[in-house]
Amino acid sequence: MTSPDGAKLASGSWDHTLRLWDVATGTQITEPLQGHTQSVRLWDVVTGTQITEPLQSHTNWVVSVAFSPDGTKLASGSKDHTIRLWDVVTGTQITEPLQSHTNWVVSVAFSPDGTKLASGSKDHTMRLWDVATSTEITEPLQGHTNWVASVVFSPDGSKLASGSGVNTLRLWDVATGTQIVEPLQGHINSVDSVAFSPDDAMVASGSGDHTLRLHFPGQSSGIVWIPPQFHELLWKAENTLIISRQGYNKILFDVCVWRCYDG
C-alpha cells in the first residue's frame, strides 16, 4: 500500500514483519517493523515504533487493512469472516464486527469520501457497507466464481473494481450493486491486485501469472499512447513504421483507438 503522496510504500509478509520503502530510491526507510502475532498494529512511520497497544479482537488472521481517507479510522478484514472498524487515535473498536461473509475477508477498501466500505471474500462475494451505521448498503455483489482477492473504489466513488482467483476482473456500479461491463479477461492466474488510474480511464491488474495488465473499460479495441518526446519519430498518422537509430518497429493501427493529448 502506498502513502497518499505516493512517496512511501508499505509491505506485509508471511515473515511477520512490515517494511517501509522509499518509492523514489527503492530503499528501505526503517528497520523492519516487528511484533505481529495475528493482530492489527499501528506504527509511527518516522520512528518505526508502535503508536498504540495491538488492536486485538479478531479471532484469526488479519488478512487486509485500510485507512479511511481522513485517517481517523482503520478497517480490518480477517480469516474469522468479520470486518472490524477501529479508532486510530485510541486503538479501540468503533462498532460491533461487520458480519455477513461466510469465509475469509480477503480485501477491504474505503470509498474516497469515507462513507462506504467494500469487502471481498473467499465466499466469492463482495459487500458494500455504510460506515456510519455498519450495515450493508446493497445485496451481495455476486458474479465471481472464485474468491475475491482485491477490491478498490474508483476515484469518484461511483465504481468498484474486483479481482478474483478465477483470473477475471469485474467492474461494478456502487449505487446499484450491478456489473457495468463484461468481465475483463486476459490473465491466466488469479487477479490479486487492482487499481484505478487517477483519471478513471484505466484499471490496472496484477496477477499470479507474473504479469501486470492495463484495461480500458468501455473501449472495444486497444489504445496506443505515444509519449510526446517520441512524436518527432513518427512519420504521418497513416504510416505503420516508427524509425529509430536502433532499427524500426512495425505497428498496426487498423484496430486502434486514438486519443490526443496536449503537449
Protein backbone atom coordinates (compact mmCIF):
# COMPACT_ATOMS: atom_id res chain seq x y z
CA MET A 1 0.00 0.00 0.00
CA THR A 2 1.36 3.42 -0.94
CA SER A 3 1.07 6.59 1.11
CA PRO A 4 -1.35 9.30 -0.15
CA ASP A 5 1.56 11.37 -1.51
CA GLY A 6 2.98 8.36 -3.33
CA ALA A 7 6.37 8.73 -1.66
CA LYS A 8 6.29 5.68 0.57
CA LEU A 9 5.24 2.05 0.23
CA ALA A 10 4.33 -0.38 3.00
CA SER A 11 4.64 -4.13 2.56
CA GLY A 12 3.50 -7.02 4.73
CA SER A 13 4.89 -10.53 4.65
CA TRP A 14 4.49 -14.08 5.88
CA ASP A 15 7.73 -13.47 7.84
CA HIS A 16 5.60 -11.49 10.36
CA THR A 17 7.23 -8.15 9.51
CA LEU A 18 6.10 -4.87 7.97
CA ARG A 19 8.58 -2.86 5.91
CA LEU A 20 8.53 0.76 4.70
CA TRP A 21 10.15 1.74 1.39
CA ASP A 22 11.14 4.96 -0.35
CA VAL A 23 9.39 4.77 -3.73
CA ALA A 24 11.88 7.06 -5.50
CA THR A 25 15.02 5.18 -4.44
CA GLY A 26 13.65 1.70 -3.76
CA THR A 27 15.44 1.63 -0.41
CA GLN A 28 14.06 0.62 2.97
CA ILE A 29 13.27 3.61 5.20
CA THR A 30 13.45 1.99 8.66
CA GLU A 31 14.34 -1.30 10.24
CA PRO A 32 11.64 -3.98 9.76
CA LEU A 33 8.59 -3.26 11.91
CA GLN A 34 8.27 -6.38 14.03
CA GLY A 35 5.77 -7.62 16.57
CA HIS A 36 2.86 -9.19 14.71
CA THR A 37 1.12 -12.22 16.23
CA GLN A 38 -2.23 -12.25 14.35
CA SER A 39 -3.19 -8.71 15.45
CA VAL A 40 -3.54 -5.22 13.98
CA ARG A 41 -0.80 -2.75 14.88
CA LEU A 42 -0.33 0.98 14.26
CA TRP A 43 3.15 2.34 13.57
CA ASP A 44 4.90 5.71 13.53
CA VAL A 45 6.39 5.93 10.02
CA VAL A 46 9.24 8.23 11.09
CA THR A 47 10.48 6.28 14.09
CA GLY A 48 9.30 2.77 13.20
CA THR A 49 7.74 2.35 16.65
CA GLN A 50 4.24 1.22 17.61
CA ILE A 51 1.77 4.01 18.38
CA THR A 52 -0.76 2.09 20.47
CA GLU A 53 -1.17 -1.31 22.00
CA PRO A 54 -2.01 -4.03 19.46
CA LEU A 55 -5.58 -3.79 18.18
CA GLN A 56 -6.89 -7.16 19.28
CA SER A 57 -10.35 -8.58 18.80
CA HIS A 58 -10.16 -10.78 15.71
CA THR A 59 -10.09 -14.49 16.45
CA ASN A 60 -7.97 -15.45 13.43
CA TRP A 61 -5.52 -13.99 10.92
CA VAL A 62 -5.92 -10.35 9.88
CA VAL A 63 -5.68 -10.52 6.09
CA SER A 64 -6.33 -6.92 4.98
CA VAL A 65 -6.35 -3.40 6.44
CA ALA A 66 -7.28 0.03 5.05
CA PHE A 67 -7.27 3.59 6.42
CA SER A 68 -10.24 5.88 5.89
CA PRO A 69 -9.42 8.89 3.67
CA ASP A 70 -9.31 11.25 6.66
CA GLY A 71 -7.02 8.89 8.57
CA THR A 72 -9.27 8.63 11.64
CA LYS A 73 -10.49 5.06 11.10
CA LEU A 74 -8.97 1.74 10.21
CA ALA A 75 -10.82 -1.24 8.73
CA SER A 76 -9.52 -4.78 9.08
CA GLY A 77 -10.66 -7.96 7.36
CA SER A 78 -9.94 -11.35 8.84
CA LYS A 79 -9.92 -15.08 8.36
CA ASP A 80 -12.57 -15.10 11.13
CA HIS A 81 -15.10 -13.89 8.45
CA THR A 82 -15.54 -10.45 10.05
CA ILE A 83 -14.62 -6.83 9.39
CA ARG A 84 -13.80 -4.51 12.25
CA LEU A 85 -13.59 -0.73 12.41
CA TRP A 86 -11.07 0.94 14.71
CA ASP A 87 -10.47 4.43 16.07
CA VAL A 88 -6.89 5.24 15.04
CA VAL A 89 -6.23 7.64 17.93
CA THR A 90 -7.43 5.40 20.75
CA GLY A 91 -6.90 1.98 19.18
CA THR A 92 -10.39 0.92 20.22
CA GLN A 93 -13.07 -0.78 18.19
CA ILE A 94 -15.76 1.65 16.98
CA THR A 95 -18.70 -0.68 16.39
CA GLU A 96 -19.68 -4.30 16.60
CA PRO A 97 -17.98 -6.51 13.98
CA LEU A 98 -19.42 -6.27 10.47
CA GLN A 99 -20.65 -9.80 9.86
CA SER A 100 -22.17 -11.26 6.73
CA HIS A 101 -19.39 -13.02 4.85
CA THR A 102 -19.22 -16.79 5.19
CA ASN A 103 -15.48 -17.13 4.57
CA TRP A 104 -12.24 -15.16 4.88
CA VAL A 105 -12.46 -11.41 4.30
CA VAL A 106 -9.51 -11.00 1.96
CA SER A 107 -9.71 -7.32 0.98
CA VAL A 108 -11.22 -4.12 2.39
CA ALA A 109 -11.34 -0.60 0.91
CA PHE A 110 -12.89 2.73 1.87
CA SER A 111 -14.69 4.90 -0.66
CA PRO A 112 -12.98 8.24 -1.44
CA ASP A 113 -15.44 10.15 0.77
CA GLY A 114 -15.06 7.65 3.62
CA THR A 115 -18.76 6.89 3.92
CA LYS A 116 -18.67 3.39 2.43
CA LEU A 117 -16.55 0.31 2.86
CA ALA A 118 -16.16 -2.52 0.34
CA SER A 119 -15.10 -6.03 1.28
CA GLY A 120 -14.10 -9.02 -0.81
CA SER A 121 -14.14 -12.58 0.46
CA LYS A 122 -13.29 -16.19 -0.20
CA ASP A 123 -17.06 -16.77 -0.23
CA HIS A 124 -16.95 -15.39 -3.84
CA THR A 125 -18.85 -12.20 -2.95
CA MET A 126 -18.26 -8.53 -2.33
CA ARG A 127 -20.26 -6.47 0.10
CA LEU A 128 -20.83 -2.75 0.47
CA TRP A 129 -21.19 -1.26 3.94
CA ASP A 130 -22.37 2.06 5.34
CA VAL A 131 -19.54 3.11 7.65
CA ALA A 132 -21.75 5.25 9.92
CA THR A 133 -24.32 2.51 10.58
CA SER A 134 -22.19 -0.63 9.96
CA THR A 135 -24.98 -2.02 7.77
CA GLU A 136 -24.93 -3.42 4.24
CA ILE A 137 -25.96 -0.95 1.55
CA THR A 138 -26.89 -3.39 -1.21
CA GLU A 139 -27.37 -7.08 -1.75
CA PRO A 140 -24.07 -9.01 -2.00
CA LEU A 141 -22.25 -8.33 -5.28
CA GLN A 142 -22.14 -11.73 -6.93
CA GLY A 143 -20.62 -12.94 -10.18
CA HIS A 144 -17.16 -14.19 -9.40
CA THR A 145 -16.85 -17.97 -9.32
CA ASN A 146 -13.85 -17.96 -7.01
CA TRP A 147 -12.52 -15.96 -4.10
CA VAL A 148 -12.39 -12.16 -4.40
CA ALA A 149 -8.76 -11.22 -3.84
CA SER A 150 -8.85 -7.43 -4.22
CA VAL A 151 -11.40 -4.60 -4.22
CA VAL A 152 -10.93 -0.89 -4.90
CA PHE A 153 -13.17 2.15 -5.46
CA SER A 154 -12.82 4.42 -8.49
CA PRO A 155 -11.54 7.96 -7.76
CA ASP A 156 -15.07 9.40 -7.83
CA GLY A 157 -16.50 6.54 -5.75
CA SER A 158 -19.11 5.55 -8.34
CA LYS A 159 -17.50 2.27 -9.38
CA LEU A 160 -15.83 -0.68 -7.75
CA ALA A 161 -13.24 -2.99 -9.31
CA SER A 162 -12.65 -6.52 -8.08
CA GLY A 163 -10.03 -9.14 -8.89
CA SER A 164 -10.67 -12.84 -8.46
CA GLY A 165 -8.97 -16.19 -8.12
CA VAL A 166 -10.73 -17.22 -11.32
CA ASN A 167 -8.46 -14.95 -13.44
CA THR A 168 -11.01 -12.19 -14.10
CA LEU A 169 -11.51 -8.55 -13.19
CA ARG A 170 -15.02 -7.12 -12.80
CA LEU A 171 -16.43 -3.60 -12.59
CA TRP A 172 -19.48 -2.71 -10.52
CA ASP A 173 -21.88 0.20 -10.14
CA VAL A 174 -21.72 1.17 -6.46
CA ALA A 175 -25.22 2.68 -6.37
CA THR A 176 -26.97 -0.41 -7.76
CA GLY A 177 -24.52 -3.21 -6.99
CA THR A 178 -24.70 -4.43 -10.59
CA GLN A 179 -21.92 -5.23 -13.05
CA ILE A 180 -21.11 -2.46 -15.55
CA VAL A 181 -19.36 -4.42 -18.31
CA GLU A 182 -18.49 -7.99 -19.15
CA PRO A 183 -15.65 -9.47 -17.06
CA LEU A 184 -12.23 -8.14 -18.10
CA GLN A 185 -10.12 -11.12 -19.09
CA GLY A 186 -6.57 -11.87 -20.17
CA HIS A 187 -4.80 -13.15 -17.08
CA ILE A 188 -4.14 -16.88 -16.78
CA ASN A 189 -3.91 -16.92 -12.99
CA SER A 190 -5.59 -15.21 -10.05
CA VAL A 191 -6.02 -11.42 -10.18
CA ASP A 192 -4.55 -10.46 -6.81
CA SER A 193 -4.44 -6.67 -7.01
CA VAL A 194 -6.42 -3.97 -8.85
CA ALA A 195 -6.18 -0.17 -9.07
CA PHE A 196 -7.87 2.66 -10.97
CA SER A 197 -5.87 5.38 -12.72
CA PRO A 198 -6.43 8.87 -11.25
CA ASP A 199 -8.47 9.92 -14.29
CA ASP A 200 -10.66 6.80 -14.05
CA ALA A 201 -9.82 5.85 -17.66
CA MET A 202 -7.82 2.71 -16.90
CA VAL A 203 -7.79 -0.18 -14.47
CA ALA A 204 -4.51 -1.93 -13.67
CA SER A 205 -4.39 -5.54 -12.51
CA GLY A 206 -1.61 -7.68 -11.09
CA SER A 207 -1.78 -11.45 -11.25
CA GLY A 208 -0.28 -14.72 -10.13
CA ASP A 209 0.64 -15.23 -13.79
CA HIS A 210 3.54 -12.77 -13.17
CA THR A 211 2.05 -10.06 -15.39
CA LEU A 212 0.54 -6.61 -14.97
CA ARG A 213 -2.23 -5.58 -17.37
CA LEU A 214 -3.91 -2.30 -18.21
CA HIS A 215 -7.60 -2.42 -19.04
CA PHE A 216 -9.66 0.25 -20.79
CA PRO A 217 -13.29 -0.31 -19.77
CA GLY A 218 -15.77 0.73 -22.44
CA GLN A 219 -13.27 0.56 -25.26
CA SER A 220 -13.95 -2.07 -27.90
CA SER A 221 -10.34 -2.09 -29.12
CA GLY A 222 -6.85 -1.34 -27.93
CA ILE A 223 -5.29 2.05 -27.29
CA VAL A 224 -1.82 3.16 -28.37
CA TRP A 225 -0.24 6.07 -26.50
CA ILE A 226 2.92 7.69 -27.87
CA PRO A 227 4.69 9.91 -25.28
CA PRO A 228 5.28 13.49 -26.51
CA GLN A 229 9.07 13.09 -26.59
CA PHE A 230 8.67 10.43 -29.29
CA HIS A 231 6.26 12.32 -31.56
CA GLU A 232 9.08 13.50 -33.85
CA LEU A 233 9.92 9.87 -34.60
CA LEU A 234 6.58 9.36 -36.29
CA TRP A 235 6.05 10.00 -39.99
CA LYS A 236 2.37 10.55 -40.60
CA ALA A 237 -0.66 9.15 -38.83
CA GLU A 238 -1.40 6.74 -41.67
CA ASN A 239 2.05 5.18 -41.62
CA THR A 240 2.82 1.88 -39.89
CA LEU A 241 6.51 2.41 -39.11
CA ILE A 242 8.42 4.14 -36.34
CA ILE A 243 12.03 4.78 -37.34
CA SER A 244 14.78 4.85 -34.72
CA ARG A 245 18.56 4.54 -34.70
CA GLN A 246 18.17 1.02 -33.38
CA GLY A 247 16.00 -0.02 -36.33
CA TYR A 248 12.25 0.04 -36.62
CA ASN A 249 9.15 -1.36 -35.02
CA LYS A 250 6.09 -2.18 -37.07
CA ILE A 251 2.80 -1.14 -35.50
CA LEU A 252 -0.61 -1.96 -36.93
CA PHE A 253 -3.06 0.90 -36.42
CA ASP A 254 -6.11 -0.56 -38.15
CA VAL A 255 -7.85 -1.66 -34.93
CA CYS A 256 -6.60 1.11 -32.62
CA VAL A 257 -8.43 3.96 -30.95
CA TRP A 258 -6.59 7.28 -30.98
CA ARG A 259 -6.53 9.70 -28.10
CA CYS A 260 -4.89 13.10 -28.49
CA TYR A 261 -3.43 14.98 -25.54
CA ASP A 262 -1.93 18.46 -25.46
CA GLY A 263 1.82 18.66 -25.12
